[in-house]
Amino acid sequence: MRRRFTGLTGHACRILFATLVLLSAGRNVLLPAADPPDLLSVPQLNESVKKWVAEKNQPRQMLRVEGRISSFNKQVLQLRHCDVMFVGDPISRVQKAGPVEVTGYLQRAADSRKVEFVIESLRTLPTDLQRIDTQTRQAKGQPASHWRELADWAEARGEFYKDNDLLEKSKELRYHALEIEAQSVRADDAQGLFELADRAAQDEAPRAFVQGLNHRGCVLEYRRLRQNATAEQLQAFLELARQRLQECDKPLPSWDAISREKYLKDPDAVHEAASAAKRTTLYRLLYADVLLRSLLSRLKPDNSNVLEVATQIERLIPEEAEKGRQLREDLLARRAQNVARLTRTELVALEAEYRNRKQPAHATKLVEDWLSHQREQLDPGDVDGAIDLANDYKTLLGTSEPGTQLLLETWKRVPGSPLLAERLEAAGLRLADGQWLTNQQFVNRPEGRFARAIRAGRVEDGMSAEEARRALGVPASVARVVTAGVVTEIWRYGTGDGTQRTVRLERLSGQKDFVVRGAPPPPPAEGTSNP
């Protein structure tokens, strides 16, 4: 913010006046005998001229003005940015352009009626920078307000005269005032440090100074975050750090673990000794430490979001990617130990994690263990469950052999199941004499047991209804009974000796065909009789 130059006031004015008297001692200058009038700046003189011109009776009033000479000759002198010309004998003593103090009065020129300033006395002054140097030597131990007042004066003068050197000096003075204020901020006053940092940035203080104030404040807030800090407190710090610590949310290629530990142990000391480039790394260390704590605090007790948190760590803090990987490893190990409790969806996700981590052996072992457990839990007569598990063998392991073996075992428990028959046939097997054979086995098979029995005119357990008809022909009568989901048929045949033969067939619920379950004993050989 630029200050308007209106001259010195208060304590600074008194010191400057005393300084000017000391510096002018021994010089050939003219001073009024009476108490000197108030010292005016050029802007103040310009205002006084306007008021004097507006008055009807224009009195002769002694004025004292200080300013910088812009041009002069033996009769006329001009001050920079001044609205009136200066005339009078003392001008002849001026040797060079520079700061001067003149005392005199306003009048109108006799020929032009223009307002002019008649000089009665004139003395040269030290430059503004010389005045400030004298003031600073005398102002040691003064409060920050004194230095700000001096800085305001220097800035206003610099703006008025377009003096870049003076403007730079005003920044130095303001910075010194800020340094005094920084020393007075309480050790635990983070907000006070932030407010001072904001003013320092506004006053264009050195960047390192502003960074130091912001860092001190953030470290105070960091130390207030205990291990049991809430998620809201951690999040509030992260927002604060993003505002106060330059590029703290920008990941680094890597960091040194020892340097990180040293910094987090004593942040202020390490920051004070660090270069500007190194400080950016320190800000990242502080921010990432709290960000990691914030992400880990989101883990649910049932570990249901471990993978999500691990992904966030790897994305937001790539420098700590190893911690994300370790979370995944721990989760995988826990789940692998409890493979029996995994749903199929959880198993597929876990298997994918192992394969993504280039651990195919772990993935295969996990699936095999899960399938083995599912097989152990399968009801022996559960046809649908056996088919689903056979599908899982093919889908998850990429092989159909274990699934086919499971279907064959189930067939032994539930022979004649049309669903099993359809799947086994789809697997390239053919049923012969109650046994499922490959095409090659079927072609090379010897005459089967059922075929021999059919040729001999007898039935055996396990034959289908069609095979029983082929062996004995169409029964003389058929009786059917349904109990508890089992359909039983009794086939009766008459014989040449007047006796009857019966065959019992059963069809379980879900089966398509009947199967012989009570085969009659073979007929007696010729020449023998039943006992």
Protein backbone atom coordinates (compact mmCIF):
# COMPACT_ATOMS: atom_id res chain seq x y z
CA MET A 1 0.00 0.00 0.00
CA ARG A 2 1.48 3.38 -1.07
CA ARG A 3 1.64 6.23 1.44
CA ARG A 4 0.95 9.82 0.50
CA PHE A 5 3.85 12.10 1.26
CA THR A 6 2.70 14.96 3.51
CA GLY A 7 5.83 15.49 5.57
CA LEU A 8 7.09 14.16 8.88
CA THR A 9 4.94 14.18 11.99
CA GLY A 10 5.39 13.48 15.66
CA HIS A 11 8.51 11.87 17.02
CA ALA A 12 10.13 11.38 13.60
CA CYS A 13 9.71 15.09 12.79
CA ARG A 14 11.42 16.18 15.99
CA ILE A 15 14.33 13.82 15.45
CA LEU A 16 14.74 14.89 11.82
CA PHE A 17 14.71 18.56 12.75
CA ALA A 18 17.40 18.01 15.36
CA THR A 19 19.37 15.99 12.82
CA LEU A 20 19.19 18.78 10.25
CA VAL A 21 20.44 21.34 12.79
CA LEU A 22 23.41 19.12 13.65
CA LEU A 23 24.26 18.39 10.03
CA SER A 24 24.08 22.05 9.04
CA ALA A 25 26.35 23.23 11.87
CA GLY A 26 29.35 25.15 10.54
CA ARG A 27 27.75 25.75 7.09
CA ASN A 28 27.21 29.24 5.65
CA VAL A 29 23.40 29.33 5.89
CA LEU A 30 20.76 31.92 6.66
CA LEU A 31 18.32 31.17 9.50
CA PRO A 32 15.50 33.37 10.72
CA ALA A 33 16.08 34.96 14.10
CA ALA A 34 12.65 34.13 15.50
CA ASP A 35 11.32 30.62 16.18
CA PRO A 36 11.16 28.92 12.81
CA PRO A 37 7.73 28.20 11.34
CA ASP A 38 6.60 24.65 10.77
CA LEU A 39 8.58 22.87 8.12
CA LEU A 40 6.47 22.24 5.02
CA SER A 41 6.93 19.67 2.33
CA VAL A 42 6.43 20.61 -1.32
CA PRO A 43 2.90 19.11 -1.42
CA GLN A 44 2.02 21.08 1.69
CA LEU A 45 3.43 24.25 0.14
CA ASN A 46 1.33 23.70 -3.00
CA GLU A 47 -1.77 23.52 -0.81
CA SER A 48 -0.74 26.66 1.06
CA VAL A 49 -0.29 28.51 -2.23
CA LYS A 50 -3.83 27.61 -3.31
CA LYS A 51 -5.24 28.92 -0.04
CA TRP A 52 -3.11 32.11 -0.22
CA VAL A 53 -4.28 32.85 -3.77
CA ALA A 54 -7.91 32.41 -2.72
CA GLU A 55 -7.63 35.01 0.05
CA LYS A 56 -8.65 38.63 -0.73
CA ASN A 57 -6.07 40.16 1.57
CA GLN A 58 -2.92 38.18 0.94
CA PRO A 59 -0.78 38.63 4.04
CA ARG A 60 2.96 38.23 4.13
CA GLN A 61 3.48 35.05 6.12
CA MET A 62 6.83 33.47 6.78
CA LEU A 63 7.01 29.90 5.42
CA ARG A 64 9.67 27.25 5.74
CA VAL A 65 9.86 24.63 2.99
CA GLU A 66 12.13 21.70 2.25
CA GLY A 67 12.45 20.01 -1.14
CA ARG A 68 14.76 18.94 -3.92
CA ILE A 69 16.14 21.44 -6.45
CA SER A 70 15.24 20.51 -9.99
CA SER A 71 16.87 23.54 -11.68
CA PHE A 72 18.38 26.90 -10.75
CA ASN A 73 20.30 29.97 -12.02
CA LYS A 74 21.46 33.11 -10.27
CA GLN A 75 17.96 34.63 -10.01
CA VAL A 76 15.49 31.71 -10.01
CA LEU A 77 15.29 28.33 -8.34
CA GLN A 78 12.74 25.56 -8.96
CA LEU A 79 11.90 22.71 -6.57
CA ARG A 80 10.74 19.45 -8.03
CA HIS A 81 6.95 19.20 -8.38
CA CYS A 82 6.48 22.65 -6.84
CA ASP A 83 3.82 25.02 -8.24
CA VAL A 84 5.77 28.27 -7.59
CA MET A 85 9.14 29.65 -8.59
CA PHE A 86 11.66 30.74 -5.93
CA VAL A 87 13.50 34.09 -6.18
CA GLY A 88 15.95 35.96 -3.95
CA ASP A 89 19.60 36.70 -3.32
CA PRO A 90 20.39 33.47 -1.39
CA ILE A 91 20.00 31.54 -4.65
CA SER A 92 23.41 32.82 -5.73
CA ARG A 93 25.01 30.67 -3.02
CA VAL A 94 23.57 27.41 -4.40
CA GLN A 95 26.34 25.21 -5.78
CA LYS A 96 24.43 22.19 -7.05
CA ALA A 97 20.99 20.62 -7.21
CA GLY A 98 19.96 18.73 -4.14
CA PRO A 99 17.80 18.93 -1.03
CA VAL A 100 17.45 22.37 0.51
CA GLU A 101 15.45 24.18 3.13
CA VAL A 102 14.24 27.69 2.27
CA THR A 103 12.52 30.28 4.42
CA GLY A 104 10.55 33.20 2.96
CA TYR A 105 7.12 34.39 1.91
CA LEU A 106 4.72 34.41 -1.02
CA GLN A 107 4.09 37.42 -3.22
CA ARG A 108 2.88 38.27 -6.68
CA ALA A 109 5.50 39.29 -9.21
CA ALA A 110 5.23 42.95 -10.17
CA ASP A 111 5.39 42.34 -13.92
CA SER A 112 3.42 39.09 -14.38
CA ARG A 113 1.32 38.94 -11.22
CA LYS A 114 2.36 35.28 -10.91
CA VAL A 115 2.83 33.90 -7.43
CA GLU A 116 6.46 33.53 -6.42
CA PHE A 117 8.29 32.56 -3.27
CA VAL A 118 10.77 35.18 -2.04
CA ILE A 119 13.67 33.48 -0.28
CA GLU A 120 15.09 35.15 2.80
CA SER A 121 17.28 32.27 3.90
CA LEU A 122 18.43 29.01 2.37
CA ARG A 123 20.49 26.09 3.50
CA THR A 124 21.41 22.80 1.94
CA LEU A 125 20.22 19.59 3.59
CA PRO A 126 21.52 16.06 3.73
CA THR A 127 19.91 13.68 1.24
CA ASP A 128 16.92 11.62 2.30
CA LEU A 129 19.07 8.51 2.50
CA GLN A 130 21.54 10.34 4.73
CA ARG A 131 18.70 11.48 6.97
CA ILE A 132 17.41 7.92 7.24
CA ASP A 133 20.87 6.57 8.06
CA THR A 134 21.18 9.11 10.87
CA GLN A 135 17.72 8.23 12.14
CA THR A 136 18.41 4.52 12.13
CA ARG A 137 21.58 4.99 14.16
CA GLN A 138 19.65 7.00 16.70
CA ALA A 139 16.60 4.68 16.71
CA LYS A 140 18.20 1.52 18.07
CA GLY A 141 15.91 -0.05 20.65
CA GLN A 142 12.87 1.79 19.35
CA PRO A 143 9.59 -0.18 18.92
CA ALA A 144 8.36 -1.47 15.60
CA SER A 145 5.89 1.45 15.30
CA HIS A 146 8.81 3.91 15.09
CA TRP A 147 10.38 1.99 12.22
CA ARG A 148 7.06 1.73 10.39
CA GLU A 149 6.60 5.51 10.70
CA LEU A 150 10.05 6.09 9.24
CA ALA A 151 9.29 3.57 6.48
CA ASP A 152 6.02 5.36 5.68
CA TRP A 153 7.90 8.65 5.35
CA ALA A 154 10.54 7.11 3.10
CA GLU A 155 7.91 5.42 0.92
CA ALA A 156 5.86 8.62 0.55
CA ARG A 157 9.00 10.62 -0.34
CA GLY A 158 10.09 7.93 -2.78
CA GLU A 159 6.71 7.93 -4.48
CA PHE A 160 6.60 11.72 -4.67
CA TYR A 161 10.08 12.05 -6.12
CA LYS A 162 10.04 8.77 -8.08
CA ASP A 163 13.12 7.77 -6.13
CA ASN A 164 13.66 4.02 -6.43
CA ASP A 165 16.54 4.02 -3.95
CA LEU A 166 14.31 5.61 -1.34
CA LEU A 167 11.51 3.14 -2.09
CA GLU A 168 13.90 0.25 -1.57
CA LYS A 169 15.04 1.81 1.70
CA SER A 170 11.42 2.03 2.82
CA LYS A 171 11.09 -1.73 2.27
CA GLU A 172 14.20 -2.35 4.38
CA LEU A 173 12.81 -0.20 7.19
CA ARG A 174 9.46 -1.97 7.06
CA TYR A 175 11.21 -5.33 7.09
CA HIS A 176 13.14 -4.28 10.19
CA ALA A 177 9.86 -3.35 11.85
CA LEU A 178 8.48 -6.77 10.99
CA GLU A 179 11.55 -8.47 12.46
CA ILE A 180 10.98 -6.61 15.74
CA GLU A 181 7.33 -7.69 15.73
CA ALA A 182 8.26 -11.31 15.00
CA GLN A 183 10.45 -11.37 18.10
CA SER A 184 7.54 -10.19 20.22
CA VAL A 185 5.01 -12.81 19.02
CA ARG A 186 4.27 -15.33 21.76
CA ALA A 187 5.89 -18.72 21.30
CA ASP A 188 2.48 -20.44 21.10
CA ASP A 189 0.66 -17.82 19.01
CA ALA A 190 0.29 -19.47 15.60
CA GLN A 191 -2.43 -17.07 14.53
CA GLY A 192 -0.23 -14.10 15.41
CA LEU A 193 2.52 -15.51 13.20
CA PHE A 194 0.12 -16.00 10.30
CA GLU A 195 -1.20 -12.44 10.60
CA LEU A 196 2.33 -11.09 10.67
CA ALA A 197 3.23 -13.23 7.63
CA ASP A 198 0.30 -11.76 5.72
CA ARG A 199 1.40 -8.21 6.51
CA ALA A 200 4.98 -9.08 5.63
CA ALA A 201 3.87 -10.39 2.24
CA GLN A 202 1.82 -7.25 1.67
CA ASP A 203 4.85 -5.12 2.58
CA GLU A 204 6.97 -7.11 0.10
CA ALA A 205 9.27 -8.42 2.82
CA PRO A 206 11.89 -10.98 1.74
CA ARG A 207 10.29 -14.23 0.73
CA ALA A 208 12.38 -16.27 3.14
CA PHE A 209 11.12 -14.15 6.04
CA VAL A 210 7.47 -14.70 5.08
CA GLN A 211 8.09 -18.42 4.64
CA GLY A 212 9.74 -18.61 8.04
CA LEU A 213 6.73 -17.03 9.77
CA ASN A 214 4.28 -19.34 8.00
CA HIS A 215 6.44 -22.36 8.78
CA ARG A 216 6.70 -21.46 12.48
CA GLY A 217 2.92 -21.15 12.66
CA CYS A 218 2.33 -24.45 10.88
CA VAL A 219 4.80 -26.26 13.13
CA LEU A 220 2.92 -24.98 16.19
CA GLU A 221 -0.32 -26.36 14.77
CA TYR A 222 1.46 -29.61 13.82
CA ARG A 223 2.64 -30.13 17.38
CA ARG A 224 -0.91 -29.69 18.63
CA LEU A 225 -2.00 -32.70 16.57
CA ARG A 226 -1.74 -35.58 19.00
CA GLN A 227 -1.88 -39.20 17.95
CA ASN A 228 -5.61 -39.20 18.65
CA ALA A 229 -6.33 -36.14 16.51
CA THR A 230 -9.71 -36.31 14.82
CA ALA A 231 -10.12 -36.60 11.08
CA GLU A 232 -11.52 -33.05 11.04
CA GLN A 233 -8.43 -31.69 12.84
CA LEU A 234 -6.07 -33.45 10.44
CA GLN A 235 -8.03 -32.19 7.45
CA ALA A 236 -8.02 -28.63 8.82
CA PHE A 237 -4.22 -28.73 9.14
CA LEU A 238 -3.84 -29.96 5.56
CA GLU A 239 -5.96 -27.08 4.30
CA LEU A 240 -3.90 -24.64 6.38
CA ALA A 241 -0.63 -26.08 5.07
CA ARG A 242 -1.76 -25.79 1.45
CA GLN A 243 -2.41 -22.09 2.06
CA ARG A 244 0.78 -21.38 4.01
CA LEU A 245 3.52 -23.74 2.82
CA GLN A 246 4.62 -23.35 -0.76
CA GLU A 247 4.08 -26.43 -2.99
CA CYS A 248 3.64 -28.69 0.04
CA ASP A 249 1.04 -30.76 -1.84
CA LYS A 250 3.38 -31.36 -4.78
CA PRO A 251 4.96 -34.87 -4.64
CA LEU A 252 8.73 -35.24 -4.68
CA PRO A 253 10.67 -37.82 -6.70
CA SER A 254 11.82 -39.29 -3.37
CA TRP A 255 13.13 -38.32 0.04
CA ASP A 256 15.79 -39.45 2.43
CA ALA A 257 14.35 -41.27 5.45
CA ILE A 258 17.10 -40.04 7.77
CA SER A 259 16.63 -36.40 6.74
CA ARG A 260 12.88 -36.80 7.18
CA GLU A 261 13.29 -38.14 10.71
CA LYS A 262 15.73 -35.37 11.62
CA TYR A 263 13.39 -32.67 10.33
CA LEU A 264 10.25 -33.98 12.05
CA LYS A 265 12.19 -34.18 15.31
CA ASP A 266 13.16 -30.47 15.22
CA PRO A 267 11.41 -28.68 12.34
CA ASP A 268 12.32 -25.11 13.34
CA ALA A 269 16.07 -25.70 13.62
CA VAL A 270 16.29 -27.66 10.36
CA HIS A 271 14.20 -25.06 8.53
CA GLU A 272 16.34 -22.19 9.80
CA ALA A 273 19.49 -23.80 8.41
CA ALA A 274 17.96 -24.91 5.09
CA SER A 275 18.39 -23.24 1.73
CA ALA A 276 15.39 -21.86 -0.16
CA ALA A 277 15.27 -24.94 -2.41
CA LYS A 278 15.57 -27.31 0.53
CA ARG A 279 12.75 -25.59 2.39
CA THR A 280 10.26 -26.65 -0.27
CA THR A 281 11.22 -30.25 0.47
CA LEU A 282 10.71 -29.67 4.19
CA TYR A 283 7.21 -28.31 3.58
CA ARG A 284 6.38 -31.47 1.65
CA LEU A 285 7.69 -33.64 4.49
CA LEU A 286 5.49 -31.89 7.04
CA TYR A 287 2.40 -31.99 4.82
CA ALA A 288 2.89 -35.62 3.77
CA ASP A 289 3.33 -36.76 7.38
CA VAL A 290 -0.07 -35.37 8.35
CA LEU A 291 -1.68 -36.50 5.08
CA LEU A 292 -0.51 -40.07 5.73
CA ARG A 293 -1.99 -39.96 9.23
CA SER A 294 -5.22 -38.61 7.78
CA LEU A 295 -5.49 -41.41 5.21
CA LEU A 296 -4.66 -44.14 7.73
CA SER A 297 -7.30 -42.76 10.10
CA ARG A 298 -9.92 -43.60 7.47
CA LEU A 299 -9.30 -47.35 7.72
CA LYS A 300 -12.45 -49.13 8.89
CA PRO A 301 -12.27 -51.68 11.73
CA ASP A 302 -13.37 -54.48 9.39
CA ASN A 303 -10.62 -53.57 6.86
CA SER A 304 -13.24 -53.31 4.14
CA ASN A 305 -11.61 -50.19 2.64
CA VAL A 306 -7.93 -51.16 2.92
CA LEU A 307 -7.45 -51.34 -0.84
CA GLU A 308 -9.10 -47.94 -1.30
CA VAL A 309 -6.85 -46.31 1.32
CA ALA A 310 -3.76 -48.02 -0.11
CA THR A 311 -4.61 -46.63 -3.55
CA GLN A 312 -5.04 -43.12 -2.13
CA ILE A 313 -1.65 -43.33 -0.40
CA GLU A 314 0.05 -44.42 -3.62
CA ARG A 315 -1.66 -41.63 -5.58
CA LEU A 316 -1.41 -38.71 -3.11
CA ILE A 317 1.90 -39.63 -1.42
CA PRO A 318 3.92 -41.58 -3.98
CA GLU A 319 6.96 -41.07 -1.75
CA GLU A 320 5.21 -43.38 0.76
CA ALA A 321 4.03 -45.90 -1.84
CA GLU A 322 5.75 -48.67 0.14
CA LYS A 323 3.26 -48.13 2.97
CA GLY A 324 0.42 -48.55 0.49
CA ARG A 325 1.96 -51.77 -0.79
CA GLN A 326 2.44 -53.03 2.75
CA LEU A 327 -1.23 -52.41 3.51
CA ARG A 328 -2.13 -54.51 0.48
CA GLU A 329 0.28 -57.29 1.49
CA ASP A 330 -1.14 -57.43 5.02
CA LEU A 331 -4.69 -57.53 3.71
CA LEU A 332 -3.86 -60.26 1.21
CA ALA A 333 -2.18 -62.32 3.90
CA ARG A 334 -5.17 -62.00 6.24
CA ARG A 335 -7.65 -62.88 3.53
CA ALA A 336 -5.58 -65.79 2.29
CA GLN A 337 -5.54 -67.20 5.83
CA ASN A 338 -9.35 -66.99 5.89
CA VAL A 339 -9.94 -68.18 2.34
CA ALA A 340 -12.88 -70.36 3.45
CA ARG A 341 -14.82 -67.22 4.42
CA LEU A 342 -14.39 -65.44 1.10
CA THR A 343 -17.29 -64.99 -1.25
CA ARG A 344 -16.67 -65.72 -4.89
CA THR A 345 -16.55 -61.98 -5.64
CA GLU A 346 -13.97 -61.41 -2.88
CA LEU A 347 -11.94 -64.35 -4.16
CA VAL A 348 -11.84 -62.95 -7.71
CA ALA A 349 -10.76 -59.53 -6.43
CA LEU A 350 -8.05 -61.04 -4.24
CA GLU A 351 -6.78 -63.24 -7.06
CA ALA A 352 -6.56 -60.19 -9.33
CA GLU A 353 -4.52 -58.37 -6.68
CA TYR A 354 -1.99 -61.21 -6.57
CA ARG A 355 -1.73 -61.30 -10.35
CA ASN A 356 -1.36 -57.53 -10.55
CA ARG A 357 1.50 -57.83 -8.09
CA LYS A 358 3.19 -60.43 -10.33
CA GLN A 359 2.50 -63.30 -7.90
CA PRO A 360 0.70 -65.90 -10.06
CA ALA A 361 1.66 -68.83 -7.82
CA HIS A 362 -0.06 -67.17 -4.85
CA ALA A 363 -3.12 -66.48 -7.01
CA THR A 364 -3.40 -70.11 -8.17
CA LYS A 365 -2.88 -71.51 -4.66
CA LEU A 366 -5.57 -69.16 -3.32
CA VAL A 367 -8.11 -70.35 -5.92
CA GLU A 368 -7.27 -74.02 -5.41
CA ASP A 369 -7.71 -73.71 -1.65
CA TRP A 370 -11.03 -71.93 -2.07
CA LEU A 371 -12.33 -74.53 -4.56
CA SER A 372 -11.23 -77.36 -2.28
CA HIS A 373 -13.15 -75.84 0.59
CA GLN A 374 -16.24 -75.38 -1.59
CA ARG A 375 -16.00 -79.02 -2.62
CA GLU A 376 -15.77 -80.15 0.98
CA GLN A 377 -18.92 -78.19 1.80
CA LEU A 378 -20.88 -79.55 -1.18
CA ASP A 379 -23.80 -81.88 -0.45
CA PRO A 380 -23.14 -85.24 -2.16
CA GLY A 381 -26.54 -85.21 -3.88
CA ASP A 382 -26.46 -81.51 -4.88
CA VAL A 383 -26.48 -81.72 -8.66
CA ASP A 384 -26.85 -77.97 -9.23
CA GLY A 385 -24.06 -77.20 -6.74
CA ALA A 386 -21.76 -79.71 -8.43
CA ILE A 387 -22.41 -78.14 -11.85
CA ASP A 388 -21.75 -74.62 -10.49
CA LEU A 389 -18.53 -75.75 -8.87
CA ALA A 390 -17.44 -77.47 -12.07
CA ASN A 391 -17.99 -74.17 -13.86
CA ASP A 392 -15.81 -72.42 -11.24
CA TYR A 393 -13.02 -74.92 -11.78
CA LYS A 394 -13.01 -74.09 -15.48
CA THR A 395 -13.42 -70.33 -15.04
CA LEU A 396 -11.05 -69.76 -12.12
CA LEU A 397 -8.38 -72.38 -12.82
CA GLY A 398 -8.69 -72.51 -16.59
CA THR A 399 -9.08 -76.29 -16.66
CA SER A 400 -12.17 -78.50 -16.88
CA GLU A 401 -10.63 -81.78 -15.66
CA PRO A 402 -11.26 -81.29 -11.90
CA GLY A 403 -14.83 -80.18 -12.63
CA THR A 404 -15.51 -83.19 -14.84
CA GLN A 405 -14.19 -85.51 -12.13
CA LEU A 406 -16.56 -83.87 -9.67
CA LEU A 407 -19.51 -84.45 -12.02
CA LEU A 408 -18.58 -88.14 -12.41
CA GLU A 409 -18.46 -88.57 -8.63
CA THR A 410 -21.84 -86.89 -8.33
CA TRP A 411 -23.26 -89.20 -11.02
CA LYS A 412 -22.37 -92.19 -8.88
CA ARG A 413 -24.49 -90.73 -6.10
CA VAL A 414 -27.27 -89.53 -8.39
CA PRO A 415 -27.19 -91.82 -11.43
CA GLY A 416 -29.51 -90.99 -14.26
CA SER A 417 -29.56 -87.21 -13.60
CA PRO A 418 -30.41 -85.55 -16.91
CA LEU A 419 -28.53 -82.37 -15.93
CA LEU A 420 -25.41 -84.36 -15.14
CA ALA A 421 -25.82 -86.43 -18.29
CA GLU A 422 -26.10 -83.29 -20.39
CA ARG A 423 -22.94 -81.77 -18.87
CA LEU A 424 -20.95 -85.00 -19.13
CA GLU A 425 -21.95 -85.44 -22.73
CA ALA A 426 -20.96 -81.80 -23.37
CA ALA A 427 -17.57 -82.72 -21.90
CA GLY A 428 -17.19 -85.38 -24.63
CA LEU A 429 -18.09 -88.47 -22.56
CA ARG A 430 -20.45 -91.31 -23.54
CA LEU A 431 -22.48 -93.51 -21.24
CA ALA A 432 -22.03 -97.25 -21.71
CA ASP A 433 -23.17 -99.97 -19.31
CA GLY A 434 -23.67 -97.38 -16.56
CA GLN A 435 -20.19 -95.93 -17.04
CA TRP A 436 -19.10 -92.67 -18.68
CA LEU A 437 -16.33 -93.22 -21.23
CA THR A 438 -14.32 -91.01 -23.50
CA ASN A 439 -14.91 -91.49 -27.21
CA GLN A 440 -11.72 -93.52 -27.48
CA GLN A 441 -12.69 -95.70 -24.52
CA PHE A 442 -16.15 -96.18 -25.95
CA VAL A 443 -14.81 -97.35 -29.32
CA ASN A 444 -12.26 -99.73 -27.76
CA ARG A 445 -14.48 -101.07 -24.98
CA PRO A 446 -15.05 -104.86 -24.71
CA GLU A 447 -18.59 -106.17 -24.47
CA GLY A 448 -19.99 -104.57 -21.37
CA ARG A 449 -21.58 -106.20 -18.35
CA PHE A 450 -25.02 -104.79 -19.18
CA ALA A 451 -24.69 -105.92 -22.81
CA ARG A 452 -23.86 -109.46 -21.70
CA ALA A 453 -26.78 -109.42 -19.27
CA ILE A 454 -29.20 -108.21 -21.96
CA ARG A 455 -27.97 -110.92 -24.31
CA ALA A 456 -28.49 -113.48 -21.50
CA GLY A 457 -32.03 -112.16 -20.81
CA ARG A 458 -31.45 -110.81 -17.32
CA VAL A 459 -31.44 -107.40 -15.62
CA GLU A 460 -28.94 -105.95 -13.20
CA ASP A 461 -28.99 -103.02 -10.79
CA GLY A 462 -28.12 -99.77 -12.47
CA MET A 463 -29.71 -100.59 -15.81
CA SER A 464 -31.97 -98.00 -17.33
CA ALA A 465 -35.62 -98.78 -18.04
CA GLU A 466 -34.81 -99.13 -21.73
CA GLU A 467 -32.05 -101.64 -21.01
CA ALA A 468 -34.44 -103.61 -18.75
CA ARG A 469 -36.99 -103.81 -21.60
CA ARG A 470 -34.33 -104.99 -24.00
CA ALA A 471 -33.36 -107.75 -21.54
CA LEU A 472 -36.83 -108.97 -20.51
CA GLY A 473 -39.25 -107.38 -22.93
CA VAL A 474 -42.40 -105.43 -22.11
CA PRO A 475 -43.70 -106.25 -18.59
CA ALA A 476 -47.08 -107.89 -18.16
CA SER A 477 -48.06 -105.22 -15.66
CA VAL A 478 -46.65 -102.07 -14.10
CA ALA A 479 -47.49 -100.74 -10.64
CA ARG A 480 -46.38 -97.23 -9.56
CA VAL A 481 -45.95 -95.81 -6.06
CA VAL A 482 -44.81 -92.26 -5.15
CA THR A 483 -43.29 -91.65 -1.69
CA ALA A 484 -41.07 -88.77 -0.42
CA GLY A 485 -40.12 -87.59 -3.89
CA VAL A 486 -39.17 -91.08 -5.12
CA VAL A 487 -41.24 -92.71 -7.86
CA THR A 488 -41.13 -96.53 -7.71
CA GLU A 489 -42.36 -98.86 -10.46
CA ILE A 490 -42.84 -102.62 -10.10
CA TRP A 491 -42.63 -104.52 -13.38
CA ARG A 492 -44.12 -108.05 -13.39
CA TYR A 493 -43.34 -110.76 -15.92
CA GLY A 494 -44.97 -114.17 -16.33
CA THR A 495 -42.83 -117.28 -16.96
CA GLY A 496 -43.49 -120.56 -18.75
CA ASP A 497 -43.64 -122.50 -15.46
CA GLY A 498 -46.42 -120.31 -14.08
CA THR A 499 -44.23 -118.26 -11.76
CA GLN A 500 -43.77 -114.47 -11.85
CA ARG A 501 -40.64 -112.33 -11.98
CA THR A 502 -40.65 -108.74 -10.67
CA VAL A 503 -38.26 -105.86 -11.32
CA ARG A 504 -38.18 -102.72 -9.11
CA LEU A 505 -37.15 -99.42 -10.70
CA GLU A 506 -36.76 -95.99 -9.05
CA ARG A 507 -36.68 -92.41 -10.29
CA LEU A 508 -35.43 -89.78 -7.90
CA SER A 509 -36.70 -86.23 -7.95
CA GLY A 510 -35.03 -84.34 -10.81
CA GLN A 511 -34.12 -87.52 -12.74
CA LYS A 512 -35.44 -88.10 -16.22
CA ASP A 513 -35.39 -91.90 -16.38
CA PHE A 514 -35.96 -94.87 -14.09
CA VAL A 515 -33.04 -96.99 -12.89
CA VAL A 516 -33.18 -100.62 -11.84
CA ARG A 517 -32.81 -100.91 -8.07
CA GLY A 518 -34.22 -104.38 -7.38
CA ALA A 519 -33.04 -106.81 -10.02
CA PRO A 520 -34.60 -110.32 -9.73
CA PRO A 521 -32.26 -113.30 -9.38
CA PRO A 522 -31.42 -114.97 -12.66
CA PRO A 523 -33.77 -117.82 -13.72
CA PRO A 524 -32.61 -121.35 -12.79
CA ALA A 525 -30.53 -123.16 -15.34
CA GLU A 526 -32.26 -125.77 -17.48
CA GLY A 527 -32.67 -129.11 -15.69
CA THR A 528 -32.80 -127.53 -12.23
CA SER A 529 -35.72 -126.42 -10.12
CA ASN A 530 -36.26 -123.73 -7.53
CA PRO A 531 -35.95 -124.99 -4.00
